[in-house]
Amino acid sequence: MTLDWEYIVSIRFIITPYDPKTWETAASDLEVDVELFEKALIDNWPEAAIEHTSKGGLLWSIPDTSFDFRGELQSNRQIVTFGPGDWITYKEFVMWYRRQIPESYYLHLFNSSSMDSLIITFETTASDIDSFVSNVP
């Protein structure tokens, strides 16, 4: 299966290991292991389609109730971008991804139209994500 790259690049949600307000100058030593990420994704969503990019990133598509939830682990192995698909899958993914990254790393969830972010912790709930999403443009 070839994933629709045009759809992937139009994705509007992003998780980074640094505050988006300092995006251009921030640095992090986070490096997501692509193979471990892929295995964990398939373990959690066995129906997911996965494709490796030529630059070392990973594209995925998870079928859900209304739209496929699609995303990318970018080739820098630090940034995850995705489209919401079904909001239940979206929230599950955000909380799942937080558990994949050591707690010592701050993770910021934001959308491409705002630099306001939610710091995702191991205690972040679906309700926290709902509140954040409803308050950003």
Foldseek 3Di string as FASTA:
>chain_A
DDDDVVVAVVFWKKKFLDQLVCVVPDDDPDAQDQVVVVVLVCVVQVQKDWDADPLGKIWIWGDDDAGTKIWICDSSRGMITTHCGDVVVNQVVLLSVQVSGDQVGWMWMDTPVDSDTDTDGNPDDSVNVVVVVVPDD
